[in-house]
């Protein structure tokens, strides 16, 4: 939660530096910030959800013994 807030604040403060690279989007557009946050959240959820079933089937003692 704090990391997301810090990242959003940093992105908001540094958005002006991207102004020369953006053509049709205002650098501090709230819709763009929200869309980016949702896209990153979906990517993080998929990255943790997809390997979870196979990790749940693995015996913990085998994993601990191999490490």
C-alpha atoms as a PDB file:
ATOM      1  CA  UNK A   1       0.000   0.000   0.000  1.00  0.00           C
ATOM      2  CA  UNK A   2       2.738   2.441   0.913  1.00  0.00           C
ATOM      3  CA  UNK A   3       4.767   1.380  -2.116  1.00  0.00           C
ATOM      4  CA  UNK A   4       1.848   2.082  -4.424  1.00  0.00           C
ATOM      5  CA  UNK A   5       1.333   5.498  -2.882  1.00  0.00           C
ATOM      6  CA  UNK A   6       5.031   6.319  -3.136  1.00  0.00           C
ATOM      7  CA  UNK A   7       5.126   5.128  -6.750  1.00  0.00           C
ATOM      8  CA  UNK A   8       2.057   7.184  -7.668  1.00  0.00           C
ATOM      9  CA  UNK A   9       3.521  10.262  -6.015  1.00  0.00           C
ATOM     10  CA  UNK A  10       6.863   9.780  -7.770  1.00  0.00           C
ATOM     11  CA  UNK A  11       5.148   9.239 -11.111  1.00  0.00           C
ATOM     12  CA  UNK A  12       3.061  12.361 -10.614  1.00  0.00           C
ATOM     13  CA  UNK A  13       6.128  14.437  -9.764  1.00  0.00           C
ATOM     14  CA  UNK A  14       8.146  13.102 -12.704  1.00  0.00           C
ATOM     15  CA  UNK A  15       5.297  13.214 -15.236  1.00  0.00           C
ATOM     16  CA  UNK A  16       6.378  16.612 -16.505  1.00  0.00           C
ATOM     17  CA  UNK A  17       9.623  15.166 -17.829  1.00  0.00           C
ATOM     18  CA  UNK A  18       7.641  12.884 -20.170  1.00  0.00           C
ATOM     19  CA  UNK A  19       5.671  15.731 -21.691  1.00  0.00           C
ATOM     20  CA  UNK A  20       7.896  15.929 -24.755  1.00  0.00           C
ATOM     21  CA  UNK A  21       7.355  12.222 -25.494  1.00  0.00           C
ATOM     22  CA  UNK A  22       3.554  12.253 -25.172  1.00  0.00           C
ATOM     23  CA  UNK A  23       1.487  13.371 -28.127  1.00  0.00           C
ATOM     24  CA  UNK A  24      -2.203  12.891 -27.391  1.00  0.00           C
ATOM     25  CA  UNK A  25      -2.166  12.442 -23.601  1.00  0.00           C
ATOM     26  CA  UNK A  26      -1.682  15.010 -20.875  1.00  0.00           C
ATOM     27  CA  UNK A  27       1.117  13.823 -18.570  1.00  0.00           C
ATOM     28  CA  UNK A  28      -0.953  14.190 -15.406  1.00  0.00           C
ATOM     29  CA  UNK A  29      -4.225  12.805 -16.770  1.00  0.00           C
ATOM     30  CA  UNK A  30      -6.061  10.974 -13.952  1.00  0.00           C
ATOM     31  CA  UNK A  31      -7.522   8.440 -16.382  1.00  0.00           C
ATOM     32  CA  UNK A  32      -4.031   7.489 -17.550  1.00  0.00           C
ATOM     33  CA  UNK A  33      -2.806   7.146 -13.957  1.00  0.00           C
ATOM     34  CA  UNK A  34      -5.780   4.948 -13.048  1.00  0.00           C
ATOM     35  CA  UNK A  35      -5.427   2.849 -16.193  1.00  0.00           C
ATOM     36  CA  UNK A  36      -1.743   2.303 -15.568  1.00  0.00           C
ATOM     37  CA  UNK A  37      -2.377   1.320 -11.954  1.00  0.00           C
ATOM     38  CA  UNK A  38      -5.037  -1.179 -13.039  1.00  0.00           C
ATOM     39  CA  UNK A  39      -2.761  -2.624 -15.734  1.00  0.00           C
ATOM     40  CA  UNK A  40       0.093  -3.107 -13.256  1.00  0.00           C
ATOM     41  CA  UNK A  41      -2.301  -4.657 -10.719  1.00  0.00           C
ATOM     42  CA  UNK A  42      -3.662  -7.110 -13.291  1.00  0.00           C
ATOM     43  CA  UNK A  43      -0.141  -8.066 -14.369  1.00  0.00           C
ATOM     44  CA  UNK A  44       0.905  -8.650 -10.757  1.00  0.00           C
ATOM     45  CA  UNK A  45      -2.203 -10.720 -10.041  1.00  0.00           C
ATOM     46  CA  UNK A  46      -1.621 -12.906 -13.119  1.00  0.00           C
ATOM     47  CA  UNK A  47       2.067 -13.292 -12.324  1.00  0.00           C
ATOM     48  CA  UNK A  48       1.252 -14.582  -8.849  1.00  0.00           C
ATOM     49  CA  UNK A  49      -1.952 -16.493  -9.663  1.00  0.00           C
ATOM     50  CA  UNK A  50      -0.775 -18.544 -12.636  1.00  0.00           C
ATOM     51  CA  UNK A  51       2.044 -20.453 -10.864  1.00  0.00           C
ATOM     52  CA  UNK A  52       0.073 -20.816  -7.607  1.00  0.00           C
ATOM     53  CA  UNK A  53      -1.767 -24.072  -8.449  1.00  0.00           C
ATOM     54  CA  UNK A  54       1.423 -25.947  -9.281  1.00  0.00           C
ATOM     55  CA  UNK A  55       3.159 -24.510  -6.230  1.00  0.00           C
ATOM     56  CA  UNK A  56       0.254 -25.619  -4.062  1.00  0.00           C
ATOM     57  CA  UNK A  57       0.564 -29.206  -5.304  1.00  0.00           C
ATOM     58  CA  UNK A  58       4.236 -29.406  -4.369  1.00  0.00           C
ATOM     59  CA  UNK A  59       5.136 -31.114  -1.106  1.00  0.00           C
ATOM     60  CA  UNK A  60       6.826 -28.539   1.183  1.00  0.00           C
ATOM     61  CA  UNK A  61       9.276 -31.099   2.567  1.00  0.00           C
ATOM     62  CA  UNK A  62      10.619 -31.836  -0.895  1.00  0.00           C
ATOM     63  CA  UNK A  63      11.155 -28.152  -1.576  1.00  0.00           C
ATOM     64  CA  UNK A  64      12.861 -27.599   1.779  1.00  0.00           C
ATOM     65  CA  UNK A  65      15.041 -30.671   1.328  1.00  0.00           C
ATOM     66  CA  UNK A  66      16.201 -29.520  -2.137  1.00  0.00           C
ATOM     67  CA  UNK A  67      17.139 -25.995  -1.068  1.00  0.00           C
END
